[in-house]
Every structure is written in C-alpha cells, then in structure tokens.
C-alpha cells in the first residue's frame, strides 16, 4: 500500500515538476530593450575605460536584435558577445550563442557558446549565422541589426533550455571588446582570433524596458504583450486565468513573473490529484 502511494505520488510530482520548469517566452507583441551605460556591468581590462555602453533591442516578431556598442574614444577593432535571458552567460555551455564582430571589416559570425571564459567557441563549434554587419557608425558608436532566426531557431533549438540570443524582461551580458583581429574563411567561419588589448563587461539580471502592442505599426496597446492575460505593471504578464504568483500587479502576489514562473495552485492541485487518483484507482482494482 505504501509503495503504491509513493509511486503514484511520484507520477503526480513529475507532472508538477514539468509544469514548473516551463518558463515565460518572449511575447511576439513586444520590443525589449536593455541599455547598459557607462560603468554598468563593472567594465574591466586594459580597454575598460573605453567602454561607453551597450544597447540591445530585441524584437521577437521580426527575429531582430539590434546591437549598439558605444565607446568613450576610439572604437576597438572587434568584440565577442553572448546574451542570456538573465544570468551571466559565462559558464553556460548548452543554451546560448556567441557572436564575433569585426568592427573594422564589418563582418560577423555566430556560434553556439561553449561556456568557457575565453574566445574559442568557434573552434569545434557550429556556425549559426555569418555575413556583413551593414553597420551604422556615428562617432564612437557602432550599431547594426542582426537577424537571429537561424541563431534562436536553428539546429540547437531542440535542446532543452536553448535561447540563443533572445531575452525578455531581463538580460544577461558577456561583452568582450578588443584591439586585434578576427580573420574569416570564405564560407563565413572564423579562421582565427587575436585579441591584443582587451576590455569587458559582465552583467547579470539587467532589467529591460518593454514596448507592447502592435509593434509593426509602433502601437502601445496596453494588453498587447500579454494575450489572454494582463500586464503586471513591471514588464511581465500575469498567468492566464489569474494567480497569486504572477508578480507585482497580479492578484495577491508579491513575486516577479519574469524568468521561470512559480507554479499556479491549480496545476499543483492537478499534480496531487493525479497522485491520489492513481492510488485509489489501484485500490479499487485490488
């Protein structure tokens, strides 16, 4: 009897665990912007003083990520960059992409990030996208729009937790700029990278700003980011149907809805119900 109950409870809890692990995905009706200016992110290294800021604007509906790098004086030669939905990207070997950008030659290549605190993801990695940046360069600012469809929805999309270069209510950044060189092969892959003088900025859980509504026409219709639900007032969404765990602005809540969401009570009861149903079903058949 005890073993039957424990087995049934385990099945129920597995259902609960599966639902708990499901995170909020970026809304197709939103534009997310992360703006790290000046000393944000503890810029360091020999070129750390040259760091003026980094602006990331992600539009899921268009698979578009605009990257704007700002410097206080001369623009360095190149950089590599990994972006996460919140945590510091370093150490994550299975969920993120890293992009290599040559700001002198105006070229880029994106690979799956190997999690190492170094520049060698391109060695043995899979090329996800490459080409010309078609950058806009004004003074010490270098900006270009990147189509991230093949990065976010490419060969690694089936991997559990893969996010590529997308983010929503929060962003994590590993940004490493340098003087030196990146050389490319004819097929767009990186042949070699030589970083001489370097600077970097690491950021975890940076809060983004959100514009909702019909992004194609520039609208800002209040509920546009949360179809079937309601905004919580802090850039996130309340769970569909209402919940006490959806974040500030949601009924009876005191926690945030960004990232992995707390499990609604109805799903918890469902999981426990499955456990009890399994138990009594076995008992009736005995």
Protein backbone atom coordinates (compact mmCIF):
# COMPACT_ATOMS: atom_id res chain seq x y z
CA UNK A 1 0.00 0.00 0.00
CA UNK A 2 2.77 2.43 0.99
CA UNK A 3 4.79 1.63 -2.13
CA UNK A 4 1.73 2.16 -4.32
CA UNK A 5 1.10 5.57 -2.75
CA UNK A 6 4.71 6.66 -3.19
CA UNK A 7 4.73 5.57 -6.83
CA UNK A 8 1.50 7.41 -7.55
CA UNK A 9 2.76 10.50 -5.73
CA UNK A 10 5.96 10.42 -7.77
CA UNK A 11 3.96 10.44 -11.02
CA UNK A 12 1.95 13.39 -9.79
CA UNK A 13 5.03 15.31 -8.74
CA UNK A 14 6.68 14.65 -12.11
CA UNK A 15 3.70 16.36 -13.72
CA UNK A 16 4.13 19.27 -11.30
CA UNK A 17 7.88 19.46 -11.97
CA UNK A 18 7.35 19.50 -15.73
CA UNK A 19 4.88 22.38 -15.48
CA UNK A 20 7.12 24.27 -13.05
CA UNK A 21 10.08 24.09 -15.45
CA UNK A 22 8.20 25.89 -18.22
CA UNK A 23 9.41 29.49 -18.46
CA UNK A 24 7.79 32.57 -19.91
CA UNK A 25 8.78 33.04 -23.53
CA UNK A 26 9.25 36.47 -25.12
CA UNK A 27 5.95 37.92 -26.34
CA UNK A 28 5.59 38.27 -30.08
CA UNK A 29 3.88 41.61 -29.44
CA UNK A 30 6.76 43.31 -27.66
CA UNK A 31 10.04 45.10 -28.16
CA UNK A 32 12.56 44.53 -25.36
CA UNK A 33 15.43 46.95 -24.78
CA UNK A 34 18.38 46.57 -22.46
CA UNK A 35 20.51 49.69 -22.00
CA UNK A 36 23.77 49.42 -20.05
CA UNK A 37 25.57 52.75 -20.00
CA UNK A 38 28.85 53.95 -18.56
CA UNK A 39 30.28 51.76 -15.82
CA UNK A 40 27.31 49.37 -15.68
CA UNK A 41 28.49 45.79 -15.61
CA UNK A 42 31.86 46.51 -13.97
CA UNK A 43 33.79 47.16 -17.18
CA UNK A 44 37.36 45.96 -16.76
CA UNK A 45 40.56 45.17 -18.60
CA UNK A 46 43.07 47.40 -20.32
CA UNK A 47 40.32 48.85 -22.54
CA UNK A 48 37.74 49.04 -19.76
CA UNK A 49 37.96 52.82 -19.58
CA UNK A 50 36.97 52.99 -23.26
CA UNK A 51 33.59 51.37 -22.55
CA UNK A 52 30.75 53.85 -23.08
CA UNK A 53 27.77 51.48 -23.03
CA UNK A 54 25.86 48.73 -24.76
CA UNK A 55 22.30 48.86 -26.05
CA UNK A 56 20.39 45.73 -27.09
CA UNK A 57 16.94 45.92 -28.68
CA UNK A 58 15.19 42.62 -29.37
CA UNK A 59 12.02 42.29 -31.46
CA UNK A 60 10.83 38.64 -31.42
CA UNK A 61 8.18 39.15 -34.14
CA UNK A 62 10.89 40.23 -36.58
CA UNK A 63 13.67 37.94 -35.28
CA UNK A 64 15.68 41.14 -34.98
CA UNK A 65 18.38 42.07 -32.48
CA UNK A 66 19.99 45.49 -32.79
CA UNK A 67 23.38 45.77 -31.07
CA UNK A 68 24.78 49.24 -30.43
CA UNK A 69 28.27 49.48 -28.95
CA UNK A 70 29.43 52.82 -27.55
CA UNK A 71 32.94 53.88 -26.59
CA UNK A 72 34.38 56.96 -24.94
CA UNK A 73 37.14 57.36 -27.52
CA UNK A 74 38.42 55.28 -30.44
CA UNK A 75 36.30 52.27 -31.35
CA UNK A 76 38.17 48.98 -30.72
CA UNK A 77 38.75 46.55 -33.57
CA UNK A 78 36.34 43.80 -32.61
CA UNK A 79 34.30 42.08 -29.89
CA UNK A 80 32.52 38.90 -28.95
CA UNK A 81 29.17 38.92 -27.20
CA UNK A 82 26.85 36.39 -25.52
CA UNK A 83 23.36 37.31 -24.31
CA UNK A 84 21.08 35.39 -21.95
CA UNK A 85 17.52 35.88 -20.60
CA UNK A 86 19.00 36.87 -17.23
CA UNK A 87 22.03 35.07 -15.74
CA UNK A 88 25.62 35.92 -16.56
CA UNK A 89 26.24 33.93 -19.77
CA UNK A 90 29.67 32.69 -18.70
CA UNK A 91 29.69 29.01 -17.78
CA UNK A 92 26.55 28.14 -19.75
CA UNK A 93 27.65 25.53 -22.28
CA UNK A 94 24.36 24.40 -23.81
CA UNK A 95 21.83 27.24 -24.12
CA UNK A 96 23.45 30.31 -25.63
CA UNK A 97 25.09 31.62 -28.77
CA UNK A 98 28.14 33.87 -29.05
CA UNK A 99 28.70 36.38 -31.84
CA UNK A 100 32.08 37.54 -33.11
CA UNK A 101 32.07 41.02 -34.69
CA UNK A 102 34.91 42.65 -36.61
CA UNK A 103 34.15 46.37 -36.46
CA UNK A 104 36.93 47.21 -38.90
CA UNK A 105 35.96 44.74 -41.62
CA UNK A 106 32.21 44.97 -40.77
CA UNK A 107 31.75 41.22 -40.59
CA UNK A 108 30.25 38.85 -38.03
CA UNK A 109 29.86 35.14 -37.28
CA UNK A 110 27.69 33.46 -34.63
CA UNK A 111 28.36 30.10 -32.98
CA UNK A 112 26.99 28.03 -30.14
CA UNK A 113 28.77 29.18 -26.97
CA UNK A 114 30.91 26.52 -25.27
CA UNK A 115 30.60 28.09 -21.79
CA UNK A 116 34.31 28.79 -21.44
CA UNK A 117 35.64 32.15 -20.22
CA UNK A 118 37.55 32.58 -23.45
CA UNK A 119 37.24 33.34 -27.14
CA UNK A 120 37.45 29.81 -28.60
CA UNK A 121 33.80 28.80 -29.12
CA UNK A 122 34.38 28.94 -32.87
CA UNK A 123 36.92 26.10 -32.57
CA UNK A 124 34.87 22.94 -32.99
CA UNK A 125 31.62 24.91 -32.72
CA UNK A 126 28.71 25.10 -35.17
CA UNK A 127 28.36 28.17 -37.35
CA UNK A 128 24.82 29.53 -36.89
CA UNK A 129 24.95 32.72 -38.96
CA UNK A 130 27.53 34.97 -40.63
CA UNK A 131 27.81 37.84 -43.06
CA UNK A 132 28.27 41.60 -43.34
CA UNK A 133 27.09 43.78 -40.46
CA UNK A 134 25.96 46.68 -42.68
CA UNK A 135 26.68 48.76 -39.61
CA UNK A 136 25.81 52.35 -38.86
CA UNK A 137 28.85 54.09 -37.43
CA UNK A 138 28.41 57.52 -35.89
CA UNK A 139 31.36 58.88 -33.96
CA UNK A 140 32.33 56.24 -31.39
CA UNK A 141 29.07 54.30 -31.74
CA UNK A 142 28.81 51.10 -33.79
CA UNK A 143 25.31 49.75 -34.44
CA UNK A 144 23.88 47.00 -36.60
CA UNK A 145 20.74 44.88 -36.86
CA UNK A 146 21.18 41.11 -36.64
CA UNK A 147 18.64 38.56 -37.90
CA UNK A 148 18.63 35.98 -35.10
CA UNK A 149 16.21 33.48 -36.66
CA UNK A 150 18.93 30.95 -37.54
CA UNK A 151 20.51 31.51 -34.13
CA UNK A 152 17.46 31.20 -31.89
CA UNK A 153 15.52 28.72 -34.05
CA UNK A 154 18.38 26.87 -35.73
CA UNK A 155 20.00 23.47 -35.12
CA UNK A 156 20.16 23.84 -31.32
CA UNK A 157 16.55 24.93 -30.85
CA UNK A 158 15.54 21.37 -29.88
CA UNK A 159 17.97 21.45 -26.94
CA UNK A 160 16.33 21.89 -23.56
CA UNK A 161 16.74 25.49 -22.42
CA UNK A 162 18.21 26.82 -25.67
CA UNK A 163 17.65 30.58 -26.01
CA UNK A 164 20.40 31.58 -28.45
CA UNK A 165 20.48 35.37 -28.20
CA UNK A 166 16.93 36.16 -27.05
CA UNK A 167 15.80 37.84 -23.85
CA UNK A 168 12.66 39.43 -22.45
CA UNK A 169 12.14 41.09 -19.04
CA UNK A 170 15.78 40.62 -18.04
CA UNK A 171 19.08 40.24 -19.85
CA UNK A 172 22.49 38.85 -19.01
CA UNK A 173 25.53 40.01 -20.98
CA UNK A 174 29.08 38.81 -21.52
CA UNK A 175 30.66 41.52 -23.67
CA UNK A 176 34.35 41.36 -24.57
CA UNK A 177 35.85 44.03 -26.86
CA UNK A 178 39.45 44.16 -28.02
CA UNK A 179 42.10 45.55 -30.32
CA UNK A 180 43.47 42.86 -32.58
CA UNK A 181 41.94 40.89 -35.41
CA UNK A 182 39.39 38.30 -36.50
CA UNK A 183 40.01 36.51 -39.77
CA UNK A 184 37.25 34.70 -41.67
CA UNK A 185 37.25 31.85 -44.16
CA UNK A 186 35.43 32.18 -47.47
CA UNK A 187 32.46 30.21 -46.09
CA UNK A 188 31.95 32.74 -43.27
CA UNK A 189 33.51 30.69 -40.48
CA UNK A 190 36.11 32.21 -38.15
CA UNK A 191 39.62 31.12 -39.01
CA UNK A 192 41.44 32.82 -36.14
CA UNK A 193 41.12 35.46 -33.44
CA UNK A 194 43.93 37.52 -31.98
CA UNK A 195 42.99 39.72 -29.00
CA UNK A 196 45.86 42.02 -28.02
CA UNK A 197 44.45 44.70 -25.72
CA UNK A 198 41.06 43.85 -24.17
CA UNK A 199 38.14 45.17 -22.15
CA UNK A 200 34.96 43.52 -20.91
CA UNK A 201 31.63 43.93 -19.17
CA UNK A 202 29.71 41.19 -17.35
CA UNK A 203 26.06 41.77 -16.48
CA UNK A 204 23.54 39.50 -14.75
CA UNK A 205 19.78 40.03 -14.46
CA UNK A 206 19.71 43.50 -16.00
CA UNK A 207 16.17 44.88 -16.15
CA UNK A 208 14.87 45.68 -19.61
CA UNK A 209 12.20 48.08 -20.81
CA UNK A 210 9.22 46.85 -22.84
CA UNK A 211 7.04 48.40 -25.51
CA UNK A 212 3.81 46.46 -26.10
CA UNK A 213 1.08 46.44 -28.69
CA UNK A 214 1.23 46.23 -32.47
CA UNK A 215 4.97 46.56 -32.88
CA UNK A 216 4.75 46.66 -36.66
CA UNK A 217 2.81 49.92 -36.53
CA UNK A 218 4.52 51.29 -33.43
CA UNK A 219 1.42 50.97 -31.26
CA UNK A 220 1.36 50.57 -27.50
CA UNK A 221 -1.97 48.89 -26.74
CA UNK A 222 -1.94 48.17 -23.00
CA UNK A 223 -2.54 44.41 -23.10
CA UNK A 224 -0.54 43.73 -26.26
CA UNK A 225 2.31 41.89 -24.52
CA UNK A 226 0.01 39.55 -22.65
CA UNK A 227 -2.55 37.94 -24.99
CA UNK A 228 -5.25 36.22 -22.92
CA UNK A 229 -3.88 37.74 -19.72
CA UNK A 230 -2.98 41.07 -18.18
CA UNK A 231 0.26 43.03 -17.74
CA UNK A 232 1.58 43.08 -14.18
CA UNK A 233 2.87 46.65 -14.41
CA UNK A 234 6.56 45.73 -14.35
CA UNK A 235 7.07 44.43 -17.88
CA UNK A 236 5.83 40.89 -17.21
CA UNK A 237 2.50 39.13 -17.52
CA UNK A 238 0.08 37.65 -15.03
CA UNK A 239 -0.66 33.94 -15.64
CA UNK A 240 -3.73 33.24 -17.76
CA UNK A 241 -6.79 32.81 -15.54
CA UNK A 242 -5.26 34.72 -12.66
CA UNK A 243 -2.88 33.52 -9.97
CA UNK A 244 -1.43 34.55 -6.64
CA UNK A 245 2.06 34.03 -8.02
CA UNK A 246 2.27 36.17 -11.12
CA UNK A 247 4.28 39.12 -9.89
CA UNK A 248 3.56 42.66 -8.73
CA UNK A 249 0.26 43.83 -10.18
CA UNK A 250 -1.21 40.33 -10.21
CA UNK A 251 -3.88 39.50 -7.63
CA UNK A 252 -2.45 38.71 -4.21
CA UNK A 253 1.13 38.47 -5.42
CA UNK A 254 4.46 39.61 -4.09
CA UNK A 255 6.83 37.90 -6.51
CA UNK A 256 8.04 38.67 -10.02
CA UNK A 257 6.81 36.91 -13.14
CA UNK A 258 9.99 37.22 -15.16
CA UNK A 259 12.05 34.13 -15.94
CA UNK A 260 10.75 30.82 -14.58
CA UNK A 261 7.30 31.36 -13.16
CA UNK A 262 6.08 29.96 -9.83
CA UNK A 263 3.58 27.16 -10.33
CA UNK A 264 -0.11 28.17 -10.24
CA UNK A 265 -2.09 26.48 -7.48
CA UNK A 266 -4.42 24.83 -9.99
CA UNK A 267 -1.53 22.98 -11.62
CA UNK A 268 -0.20 21.91 -8.22
CA UNK A 269 -3.59 20.51 -7.25
CA UNK A 270 -3.80 18.75 -10.60
CA UNK A 271 -0.49 17.03 -9.96
CA UNK A 272 -1.51 15.92 -6.48
CA UNK A 273 -4.89 14.87 -7.86
CA UNK A 274 -3.18 12.58 -10.34
CA UNK A 275 -1.24 11.03 -7.49
CA UNK A 276 -4.38 10.37 -5.44
CA UNK A 277 -6.29 9.14 -8.48
CA UNK A 278 -3.55 6.65 -9.18
CA UNK A 279 -3.61 5.47 -5.58
CA UNK A 280 -7.38 4.95 -5.31
CA UNK A 281 -7.56 3.50 -8.81
CA UNK A 282 -5.15 0.78 -7.78
CA UNK A 283 -7.05 0.23 -4.55
CA UNK A 284 -10.37 -0.28 -6.39
CA UNK A 285 -8.81 -2.73 -8.81
CA UNK A 286 -7.18 -4.73 -5.99
